[in-house]
Each structure stands twice: as structure tokens, then as C-alpha cells.
Amino acid sequence: MTAMRIFSSPFSRIGDSFGLKGALSWLFAGFLVFGLGAGLAAADSAKSALFLDKGQAAEDAGRIAEARGWYERAIVQNPASADAYAHLARAENEVGETARAERHFTSALEIDPTNPAALYWSGLLDLQQGREEAARKKLDRLKKTCSTCPQRAALAKALETQKVLETHGAGKAP
């Protein structure tokens, strides 16, 4: 029995003079669409997570180009995945595509301003680019939102290492 038939029977006797049959049919169809939409969104999110895992495995094995492809697929499946953007940005940075990496970190942090991976890796990129103050701001954000995250401790250590190197003049020409 179709949605139209289910709702048409009781109203057929009164001639649907108030348009209730159409309104109820649309309401019922809306519930179906929203319910189906939520299911599809969950499936997209699960597929995105699978692609993200495959990308991480490829990156761990040193196959950065393959990893980038998986991360891009994860973003296509779930454009609201801050993790996918952060991982793609890290992979882009590893192959020297710093401008693309910065754009992807920006996207990740627009989606989730407290994403620990995006804050950590973009903080490292800031240090790499000589933007110590920007890295410190990201560390402060990590301290406020995720005080026990390993990324917070790692970024703090990177900043401290940077400070030691600057203090002792490492890397400066005589």
C-alpha cells in the first residue's frame, strides 16, 4: 500500500475539501526522506572513516600519494570531516605542498576549531614557516579544549625545542 493510499482512504468520503490528503501525504513522505537521509549520512560517515583508515595505513607505509587519494575520497564522502581535512593537509605538507596544506588545515579548523590533530599539525607547520606566535595560539587552544591530548604535549615540546634552537643559535650562519 502506498503512502498516498494509506492516507487517502479516510479522506475520500469527505472529498478532501481541506487538502488534508495531500498535506498528510507530504508529511509522511517528509518523515521517510528525513529518516532515509539520516541513514545515508551515517553510511557516508562510515565510508569516510574507512577511507580515512586506508589513508592512514598508506601513509604509515610511506605511500603518501596513495594516502592523499584516500583522504580526498574521505572528504568527498563526508565534507564535514575535520579529521579528513587535517590528514590530507599533513600529507600535502609532507610532499612540500605547504600552500595546499594550509588551505586544508584552515578547512579542518573551520569545521572543528578544537580538532586536536588539525591544531597540532598546523601548529607544526606554523613553526616550520617561522610563525611561532601562531603555533603558540594553537597550543593555547589545545590547552583549553584538550588538556590531556597527546597533541598538546607534542606541540608544547616542539615549541620548547624551537626556543632552545633559537637560544643556542642553531642553524644560524657564523
N, C-alpha and C. Protein backbone atom coordinates (compact mmCIF):
# COMPACT_ATOMS: atom_id res chain seq x y z
N MET A 1 0.84 -1.18 0.00
CA MET A 1 0.00 0.00 0.00
C MET A 1 0.89 1.25 0.00
N THR A 2 0.65 2.17 -0.87
CA THR A 2 1.49 3.36 -0.97
C THR A 2 1.09 4.38 0.10
N ALA A 3 1.97 5.34 0.29
CA ALA A 3 1.69 6.39 1.27
C ALA A 3 0.42 7.14 0.90
N MET A 4 0.21 7.37 -0.38
CA MET A 4 -0.98 8.09 -0.83
C MET A 4 -2.23 7.29 -0.51
N ARG A 5 -2.18 5.98 -0.71
CA ARG A 5 -3.34 5.15 -0.44
C ARG A 5 -3.65 5.07 1.05
N ILE A 6 -2.61 4.97 1.86
CA ILE A 6 -2.82 4.89 3.29
C ILE A 6 -3.59 6.11 3.78
N PHE A 7 -3.22 7.27 3.29
CA PHE A 7 -3.85 8.49 3.76
C PHE A 7 -5.08 8.89 2.95
N SER A 8 -5.31 8.25 1.83
CA SER A 8 -6.45 8.68 1.02
C SER A 8 -7.75 8.04 1.48
N SER A 9 -7.72 6.86 2.04
CA SER A 9 -8.95 6.18 2.41
C SER A 9 -9.84 6.98 3.35
N PRO A 10 -9.33 7.45 4.48
CA PRO A 10 -10.23 8.16 5.39
C PRO A 10 -10.77 9.46 4.82
N PHE A 11 -10.05 10.08 3.90
CA PHE A 11 -10.46 11.38 3.40
C PHE A 11 -11.28 11.30 2.11
N SER A 12 -11.37 10.12 1.53
CA SER A 12 -12.09 10.02 0.27
C SER A 12 -13.57 10.31 0.45
N ARG A 13 -14.13 10.03 1.60
CA ARG A 13 -15.56 10.25 1.83
C ARG A 13 -15.88 11.73 1.97
N ILE A 14 -14.95 12.53 2.44
CA ILE A 14 -15.27 13.95 2.63
C ILE A 14 -14.76 14.80 1.48
N GLY A 15 -14.18 14.14 0.48
CA GLY A 15 -13.76 14.86 -0.71
C GLY A 15 -12.51 15.67 -0.53
N ASP A 16 -11.84 15.54 0.58
CA ASP A 16 -10.59 16.25 0.84
C ASP A 16 -10.75 17.75 0.59
N SER A 17 -11.82 18.30 1.13
CA SER A 17 -12.09 19.72 0.90
C SER A 17 -11.07 20.64 1.55
N PHE A 18 -10.32 20.15 2.53
CA PHE A 18 -9.32 20.99 3.19
C PHE A 18 -7.90 20.71 2.71
N GLY A 19 -7.75 19.80 1.75
CA GLY A 19 -6.42 19.46 1.23
C GLY A 19 -5.61 18.62 2.21
N LEU A 20 -6.31 17.95 3.12
CA LEU A 20 -5.61 17.17 4.13
C LEU A 20 -4.90 15.96 3.54
N LYS A 21 -5.50 15.36 2.54
CA LYS A 21 -4.90 14.17 1.94
C LYS A 21 -3.51 14.50 1.39
N GLY A 22 -3.40 15.57 0.65
CA GLY A 22 -2.10 15.96 0.10
C GLY A 22 -1.12 16.36 1.18
N ALA A 23 -1.61 17.11 2.17
CA ALA A 23 -0.72 17.56 3.26
C ALA A 23 -0.19 16.38 4.06
N LEU A 24 -1.06 15.44 4.38
CA LEU A 24 -0.62 14.27 5.15
C LEU A 24 0.32 13.40 4.32
N SER A 25 0.06 13.29 3.05
CA SER A 25 0.95 12.51 2.18
C SER A 25 2.33 13.13 2.14
N TRP A 26 2.39 14.47 2.02
CA TRP A 26 3.68 15.15 2.01
C TRP A 26 4.39 15.03 3.36
N LEU A 27 3.61 15.10 4.43
CA LEU A 27 4.19 14.96 5.77
C LEU A 27 4.79 13.57 5.94
N PHE A 28 4.05 12.54 5.54
CA PHE A 28 4.54 11.17 5.64
C PHE A 28 5.79 10.99 4.77
N ALA A 29 5.75 11.53 3.56
CA ALA A 29 6.92 11.43 2.67
C ALA A 29 8.12 12.15 3.27
N GLY A 30 7.89 13.28 3.94
CA GLY A 30 8.98 14.00 4.59
C GLY A 30 9.64 13.19 5.67
N PHE A 31 8.82 12.50 6.47
CA PHE A 31 9.39 11.64 7.51
C PHE A 31 10.25 10.54 6.90
N LEU A 32 9.77 9.98 5.79
CA LEU A 32 10.56 8.94 5.12
C LEU A 32 11.88 9.49 4.60
N VAL A 33 11.83 10.67 3.98
CA VAL A 33 13.04 11.26 3.41
C VAL A 33 14.03 11.62 4.51
N PHE A 34 13.54 12.25 5.59
CA PHE A 34 14.47 12.63 6.66
C PHE A 34 15.06 11.40 7.33
N GLY A 35 14.27 10.38 7.53
CA GLY A 35 14.78 9.15 8.12
C GLY A 35 15.80 8.49 7.22
N LEU A 36 15.50 8.45 5.93
CA LEU A 36 16.43 7.88 4.96
C LEU A 36 17.67 8.74 4.86
N GLY A 37 17.50 10.07 4.91
CA GLY A 37 18.64 10.98 4.84
C GLY A 37 19.60 10.77 6.01
N ALA A 38 19.06 10.56 7.19
CA ALA A 38 19.92 10.32 8.35
C ALA A 38 20.68 9.02 8.18
N GLY A 39 20.00 8.01 7.63
CA GLY A 39 20.67 6.73 7.38
C GLY A 39 21.77 6.86 6.35
N LEU A 40 21.51 7.62 5.30
CA LEU A 40 22.53 7.83 4.27
C LEU A 40 23.70 8.63 4.81
N ALA A 41 23.43 9.62 5.66
CA ALA A 41 24.51 10.41 6.25
C ALA A 41 25.40 9.52 7.12
N ALA A 42 24.78 8.61 7.87
CA ALA A 42 25.57 7.70 8.70
C ALA A 42 26.42 6.78 7.83
N ALA A 43 25.85 6.32 6.72
CA ALA A 43 26.61 5.45 5.81
C ALA A 43 27.78 6.22 5.19
N ASP A 44 27.54 7.47 4.80
CA ASP A 44 28.61 8.30 4.24
C ASP A 44 29.71 8.52 5.26
N SER A 45 29.32 8.77 6.50
CA SER A 45 30.30 8.99 7.56
C SER A 45 31.12 7.73 7.81
N ALA A 46 30.48 6.57 7.78
CA ALA A 46 31.20 5.31 7.99
C ALA A 46 32.16 5.04 6.83
N LYS A 47 31.71 5.32 5.63
CA LYS A 47 32.58 5.13 4.46
C LYS A 47 33.76 6.09 4.51
N SER A 48 33.50 7.32 4.93
CA SER A 48 34.56 8.30 5.07
C SER A 48 35.59 7.83 6.09
N ALA A 49 35.13 7.28 7.21
CA ALA A 49 36.05 6.77 8.23
C ALA A 49 36.88 5.61 7.68
N LEU A 50 36.27 4.76 6.87
CA LEU A 50 37.01 3.66 6.25
C LEU A 50 38.09 4.21 5.32
N PHE A 51 37.76 5.20 4.51
CA PHE A 51 38.74 5.81 3.62
C PHE A 51 39.86 6.49 4.42
N LEU A 52 39.50 7.10 5.53
CA LEU A 52 40.49 7.74 6.39
C LEU A 52 41.45 6.69 6.95
N ASP A 53 40.91 5.57 7.38
CA ASP A 53 41.76 4.48 7.89
C ASP A 53 42.70 3.95 6.81
N LYS A 54 42.18 3.79 5.60
CA LYS A 54 43.02 3.31 4.49
C LYS A 54 44.11 4.33 4.16
N GLY A 55 43.78 5.59 4.25
CA GLY A 55 44.77 6.64 4.02
C GLY A 55 45.86 6.61 5.07
N GLN A 56 45.48 6.43 6.32
CA GLN A 56 46.47 6.36 7.39
C GLN A 56 47.39 5.16 7.20
N ALA A 57 46.82 4.02 6.81
CA ALA A 57 47.63 2.83 6.57
C ALA A 57 48.62 3.07 5.44
N ALA A 58 48.15 3.70 4.37
CA ALA A 58 49.04 4.00 3.24
C ALA A 58 50.13 4.99 3.66
N GLU A 59 49.76 5.99 4.44
CA GLU A 59 50.75 6.99 4.88
C GLU A 59 51.77 6.34 5.81
N ASP A 60 51.31 5.47 6.71
CA ASP A 60 52.23 4.77 7.60
C ASP A 60 53.22 3.90 6.83
N ALA A 61 52.79 3.40 5.67
CA ALA A 61 53.65 2.57 4.83
C ALA A 61 54.50 3.40 3.88
N GLY A 62 54.39 4.74 3.99
CA GLY A 62 55.21 5.62 3.16
C GLY A 62 54.64 5.88 1.77
N ARG A 63 53.41 5.48 1.53
CA ARG A 63 52.77 5.70 0.23
C ARG A 63 51.90 6.96 0.31
N ILE A 64 52.58 8.09 0.30
CA ILE A 64 51.91 9.37 0.54
C ILE A 64 50.92 9.71 -0.58
N ALA A 65 51.27 9.46 -1.82
CA ALA A 65 50.35 9.77 -2.93
C ALA A 65 49.07 8.97 -2.79
N GLU A 66 49.19 7.72 -2.44
CA GLU A 66 48.01 6.88 -2.24
C GLU A 66 47.19 7.40 -1.05
N ALA A 67 47.89 7.76 0.01
CA ALA A 67 47.20 8.29 1.19
C ALA A 67 46.40 9.54 0.84
N ARG A 68 46.99 10.43 0.07
CA ARG A 68 46.30 11.65 -0.33
C ARG A 68 45.01 11.31 -1.07
N GLY A 69 45.07 10.31 -1.93
CA GLY A 69 43.87 9.88 -2.66
C GLY A 69 42.78 9.39 -1.72
N TRP A 70 43.16 8.60 -0.72
CA TRP A 70 42.18 8.10 0.24
C TRP A 70 41.59 9.24 1.06
N TYR A 71 42.42 10.19 1.45
CA TYR A 71 41.92 11.32 2.23
C TYR A 71 40.96 12.17 1.41
N GLU A 72 41.27 12.35 0.14
CA GLU A 72 40.37 13.10 -0.74
C GLU A 72 39.03 12.38 -0.88
N ARG A 73 39.07 11.06 -0.99
CA ARG A 73 37.82 10.28 -1.07
C ARG A 73 37.02 10.41 0.23
N ALA A 74 37.72 10.44 1.36
CA ALA A 74 37.05 10.60 2.65
C ALA A 74 36.33 11.95 2.70
N ILE A 75 36.95 12.97 2.16
CA ILE A 75 36.33 14.31 2.14
C ILE A 75 35.12 14.32 1.23
N VAL A 76 35.22 13.66 0.08
CA VAL A 76 34.07 13.60 -0.84
C VAL A 76 32.90 12.90 -0.15
N GLN A 77 33.17 11.83 0.57
CA GLN A 77 32.11 11.10 1.27
C GLN A 77 31.52 11.91 2.41
N ASN A 78 32.37 12.65 3.11
CA ASN A 78 31.90 13.43 4.26
C ASN A 78 32.64 14.76 4.30
N PRO A 79 32.12 15.76 3.60
CA PRO A 79 32.79 17.06 3.55
C PRO A 79 32.87 17.76 4.91
N ALA A 80 32.19 17.24 5.92
CA ALA A 80 32.23 17.84 7.25
C ALA A 80 33.22 17.13 8.17
N SER A 81 34.14 16.37 7.59
CA SER A 81 35.11 15.64 8.40
C SER A 81 36.38 16.47 8.59
N ALA A 82 36.51 17.06 9.76
CA ALA A 82 37.71 17.83 10.07
C ALA A 82 38.94 16.92 10.07
N ASP A 83 38.77 15.68 10.52
CA ASP A 83 39.90 14.74 10.54
C ASP A 83 40.42 14.46 9.14
N ALA A 84 39.51 14.28 8.18
CA ALA A 84 39.94 14.01 6.81
C ALA A 84 40.73 15.19 6.24
N TYR A 85 40.24 16.40 6.47
CA TYR A 85 40.98 17.58 6.01
C TYR A 85 42.34 17.69 6.69
N ALA A 86 42.39 17.41 8.00
CA ALA A 86 43.65 17.50 8.73
C ALA A 86 44.67 16.49 8.22
N HIS A 87 44.21 15.26 7.97
CA HIS A 87 45.12 14.23 7.47
C HIS A 87 45.59 14.56 6.05
N LEU A 88 44.68 15.05 5.22
CA LEU A 88 45.08 15.44 3.87
C LEU A 88 46.11 16.57 3.94
N ALA A 89 45.88 17.52 4.82
CA ALA A 89 46.81 18.64 4.97
C ALA A 89 48.19 18.15 5.40
N ARG A 90 48.21 17.22 6.34
CA ARG A 90 49.51 16.70 6.79
C ARG A 90 50.23 16.00 5.65
N ALA A 91 49.49 15.21 4.86
CA ALA A 91 50.10 14.53 3.72
C ALA A 91 50.60 15.53 2.68
N GLU A 92 49.81 16.58 2.45
CA GLU A 92 50.22 17.62 1.49
C GLU A 92 51.52 18.28 1.97
N ASN A 93 51.61 18.54 3.26
CA ASN A 93 52.81 19.17 3.81
C ASN A 93 54.02 18.24 3.66
N GLU A 94 53.81 16.95 3.82
CA GLU A 94 54.92 16.00 3.71
C GLU A 94 55.53 15.98 2.32
N VAL A 95 54.74 16.29 1.30
CA VAL A 95 55.29 16.32 -0.06
C VAL A 95 55.64 17.73 -0.51
N GLY A 96 55.65 18.68 0.44
CA GLY A 96 56.08 20.03 0.13
C GLY A 96 55.00 20.96 -0.40
N GLU A 97 53.77 20.53 -0.38
CA GLU A 97 52.66 21.37 -0.85
C GLU A 97 52.12 22.19 0.34
N THR A 98 52.94 23.11 0.84
CA THR A 98 52.57 23.84 2.05
C THR A 98 51.35 24.75 1.86
N ALA A 99 51.21 25.35 0.70
CA ALA A 99 50.04 26.22 0.47
C ALA A 99 48.75 25.40 0.51
N ARG A 100 48.77 24.25 -0.13
CA ARG A 100 47.59 23.37 -0.08
C ARG A 100 47.36 22.86 1.33
N ALA A 101 48.45 22.53 2.03
CA ALA A 101 48.32 22.06 3.41
C ALA A 101 47.65 23.14 4.27
N GLU A 102 48.08 24.36 4.12
CA GLU A 102 47.49 25.45 4.92
C GLU A 102 46.00 25.61 4.62
N ARG A 103 45.62 25.50 3.35
CA ARG A 103 44.20 25.61 2.98
C ARG A 103 43.39 24.49 3.64
N HIS A 104 43.93 23.28 3.61
CA HIS A 104 43.21 22.14 4.19
C HIS A 104 43.16 22.24 5.72
N PHE A 105 44.23 22.74 6.34
CA PHE A 105 44.17 22.95 7.79
C PHE A 105 43.12 24.00 8.13
N THR A 106 43.05 25.04 7.32
CA THR A 106 42.03 26.07 7.54
C THR A 106 40.64 25.47 7.46
N SER A 107 40.42 24.61 6.46
CA SER A 107 39.11 23.95 6.33
C SER A 107 38.81 23.09 7.55
N ALA A 108 39.80 22.31 8.00
CA ALA A 108 39.62 21.44 9.16
C ALA A 108 39.24 22.26 10.39
N LEU A 109 39.93 23.37 10.60
CA LEU A 109 39.68 24.18 11.79
C LEU A 109 38.41 25.02 11.67
N GLU A 110 37.95 25.28 10.46
CA GLU A 110 36.65 25.93 10.29
C GLU A 110 35.53 24.95 10.67
N ILE A 111 35.72 23.68 10.32
CA ILE A 111 34.73 22.66 10.65
C ILE A 111 34.73 22.39 12.15
N ASP A 112 35.93 22.23 12.72
CA ASP A 112 36.07 21.94 14.14
C ASP A 112 37.26 22.71 14.70
N PRO A 113 37.03 23.88 15.28
CA PRO A 113 38.12 24.72 15.78
C PRO A 113 38.94 24.08 16.91
N THR A 114 38.46 22.98 17.46
CA THR A 114 39.18 22.32 18.56
C THR A 114 39.75 20.96 18.15
N ASN A 115 39.79 20.67 16.88
CA ASN A 115 40.29 19.36 16.42
C ASN A 115 41.76 19.22 16.81
N PRO A 116 42.09 18.26 17.68
CA PRO A 116 43.46 18.14 18.16
C PRO A 116 44.49 17.88 17.06
N ALA A 117 44.16 17.01 16.11
CA ALA A 117 45.12 16.71 15.03
C ALA A 117 45.38 17.95 14.18
N ALA A 118 44.32 18.66 13.83
CA ALA A 118 44.48 19.86 12.99
C ALA A 118 45.27 20.94 13.73
N LEU A 119 44.98 21.12 15.01
CA LEU A 119 45.71 22.12 15.78
C LEU A 119 47.19 21.75 15.90
N TYR A 120 47.47 20.50 16.17
CA TYR A 120 48.85 20.05 16.33
C TYR A 120 49.63 20.17 15.01
N TRP A 121 49.12 19.53 13.96
CA TRP A 121 49.86 19.53 12.70
C TRP A 121 49.96 20.92 12.09
N SER A 122 48.90 21.73 12.22
CA SER A 122 49.01 23.09 11.68
C SER A 122 49.95 23.93 12.54
N GLY A 123 50.02 23.63 13.84
CA GLY A 123 51.00 24.29 14.70
C GLY A 123 52.42 23.95 14.29
N LEU A 124 52.65 22.69 13.94
CA LEU A 124 53.98 22.30 13.44
C LEU A 124 54.31 23.01 12.13
N LEU A 125 53.30 23.14 11.27
CA LEU A 125 53.51 23.85 10.01
C LEU A 125 53.82 25.32 10.29
N ASP A 126 53.14 25.90 11.26
CA ASP A 126 53.43 27.28 11.64
C ASP A 126 54.89 27.41 12.06
N LEU A 127 55.37 26.49 12.88
CA LEU A 127 56.77 26.52 13.31
C LEU A 127 57.71 26.37 12.12
N GLN A 128 57.36 25.48 11.24
CA GLN A 128 58.16 25.23 10.03
C GLN A 128 58.26 26.50 9.19
N GLN A 129 57.20 27.29 9.19
CA GLN A 129 57.14 28.52 8.39
C GLN A 129 57.61 29.74 9.19
N GLY A 130 58.09 29.53 10.42
CA GLY A 130 58.60 30.63 11.23
C GLY A 130 57.53 31.45 11.93
N ARG A 131 56.34 30.89 12.08
CA ARG A 131 55.23 31.60 12.73
C ARG A 131 55.02 31.05 14.14
N GLU A 132 55.96 31.35 15.01
CA GLU A 132 55.93 30.82 16.37
C GLU A 132 54.70 31.29 17.14
N GLU A 133 54.32 32.53 16.98
CA GLU A 133 53.16 33.06 17.71
C GLU A 133 51.87 32.32 17.31
N ALA A 134 51.71 32.03 16.03
CA ALA A 134 50.53 31.28 15.58
C ALA A 134 50.52 29.88 16.18
N ALA A 135 51.70 29.26 16.26
CA ALA A 135 51.79 27.93 16.87
C ALA A 135 51.43 28.00 18.35
N ARG A 136 51.86 29.05 19.04
CA ARG A 136 51.54 29.21 20.46
C ARG A 136 50.04 29.38 20.68
N LYS A 137 49.38 30.09 19.78
CA LYS A 137 47.92 30.26 19.89
C LYS A 137 47.22 28.92 19.74
N LYS A 138 47.73 28.09 18.86
CA LYS A 138 47.12 26.76 18.69
C LYS A 138 47.38 25.89 19.91
N LEU A 139 48.56 26.02 20.50
CA LEU A 139 48.84 25.30 21.73
C LEU A 139 47.91 25.78 22.85
N ASP A 140 47.67 27.08 22.94
CA ASP A 140 46.75 27.60 23.95
C ASP A 140 45.34 27.03 23.76
N ARG A 141 44.92 26.93 22.51
CA ARG A 141 43.61 26.36 22.22
C ARG A 141 43.56 24.89 22.64
N LEU A 142 44.64 24.17 22.38
CA LEU A 142 44.71 22.77 22.81
C LEU A 142 44.67 22.66 24.33
N LYS A 143 45.36 23.55 25.01
CA LYS A 143 45.36 23.52 26.48
C LYS A 143 43.96 23.74 27.04
N LYS A 144 43.18 24.61 26.39
CA LYS A 144 41.84 24.92 26.87
C LYS A 144 40.85 23.80 26.55
N THR A 145 41.01 23.16 25.42
CA THR A 145 39.99 22.22 24.97
C THR A 145 40.35 20.76 25.16
N CYS A 146 41.64 20.47 25.31
CA CYS A 146 42.05 19.07 25.35
C CYS A 146 43.34 18.94 26.15
N SER A 147 43.24 19.21 27.42
CA SER A 147 44.44 19.28 28.26
C SER A 147 45.19 17.96 28.37
N THR A 148 44.52 16.85 28.14
CA THR A 148 45.19 15.55 28.24
C THR A 148 45.56 14.95 26.88
N CYS A 149 45.29 15.66 25.80
CA CYS A 149 45.60 15.14 24.46
C CYS A 149 47.11 15.03 24.27
N PRO A 150 47.55 13.95 23.64
CA PRO A 150 48.99 13.84 23.36
C PRO A 150 49.47 14.93 22.40
N GLN A 151 48.59 15.45 21.56
CA GLN A 151 48.96 16.51 20.63
C GLN A 151 49.36 17.78 21.38
N ARG A 152 48.72 18.04 22.51
CA ARG A 152 49.06 19.22 23.30
C ARG A 152 50.49 19.12 23.80
N ALA A 153 50.83 17.98 24.36
CA ALA A 153 52.19 17.79 24.88
C ALA A 153 53.22 17.82 23.75
N ALA A 154 52.88 17.23 22.62
CA ALA A 154 53.82 17.19 21.50
C ALA A 154 54.07 18.58 20.91
N LEU A 155 53.01 19.39 20.80
CA LEU A 155 53.19 20.74 20.28
C LEU A 155 53.97 21.59 21.28
N ALA A 156 53.71 21.42 22.57
CA ALA A 156 54.47 22.15 23.59
C ALA A 156 55.95 21.78 23.50
N LYS A 157 56.25 20.52 23.29
CA LYS A 157 57.63 20.07 23.17
C LYS A 157 58.28 20.66 21.92
N ALA A 158 57.54 20.69 20.82
CA ALA A 158 58.07 21.27 19.57
C ALA A 158 58.38 22.76 19.76
N LEU A 159 57.49 23.46 20.44
CA LEU A 159 57.74 24.89 20.70
C LEU A 159 58.95 25.08 21.61
N GLU A 160 59.10 24.23 22.61
CA GLU A 160 60.24 24.32 23.51
C GLU A 160 61.53 24.02 22.76
N THR A 161 61.50 23.01 21.90
CA THR A 161 62.68 22.68 21.08
C THR A 161 63.05 23.85 20.19
N GLN A 162 62.04 24.48 19.60
CA GLN A 162 62.27 25.65 18.75
C GLN A 162 62.94 26.77 19.54
N LYS A 163 62.46 26.97 20.76
CA LYS A 163 63.02 28.02 21.61
C LYS A 163 64.48 27.71 21.96
N VAL A 164 64.78 26.46 22.27
CA VAL A 164 66.16 26.05 22.59
C VAL A 164 67.06 26.27 21.39
N LEU A 165 66.57 25.89 20.21
CA LEU A 165 67.37 26.08 19.00
C LEU A 165 67.66 27.55 18.75
N GLU A 166 66.67 28.39 18.96
CA GLU A 166 66.86 29.83 18.76
C GLU A 166 67.80 30.40 19.81
N THR A 167 67.68 29.94 21.03
CA THR A 167 68.53 30.43 22.13
C THR A 167 70.01 30.12 21.89
N HIS A 168 70.23 28.92 21.39
CA HIS A 168 71.63 28.48 21.20
C HIS A 168 72.14 28.77 19.80
N GLY A 169 71.35 29.43 19.00
CA GLY A 169 71.81 29.86 17.69
C GLY A 169 71.96 28.76 16.66
N ALA A 170 71.27 27.63 16.88
CA ALA A 170 71.37 26.53 15.92
C ALA A 170 70.80 26.97 14.58
N GLY A 171 71.48 26.59 13.54
CA GLY A 171 71.01 26.89 12.20
C GLY A 171 71.41 28.27 11.70
N LYS A 172 72.06 29.08 12.52
CA LYS A 172 72.47 30.41 12.07
C LYS A 172 73.86 30.34 11.47
N ALA A 173 74.03 31.08 10.41
CA ALA A 173 75.36 31.12 9.76
C ALA A 173 76.32 31.94 10.63
N PRO A 174 77.58 31.53 10.72
CA PRO A 174 78.55 32.28 11.54
C PRO A 174 78.85 33.65 10.97
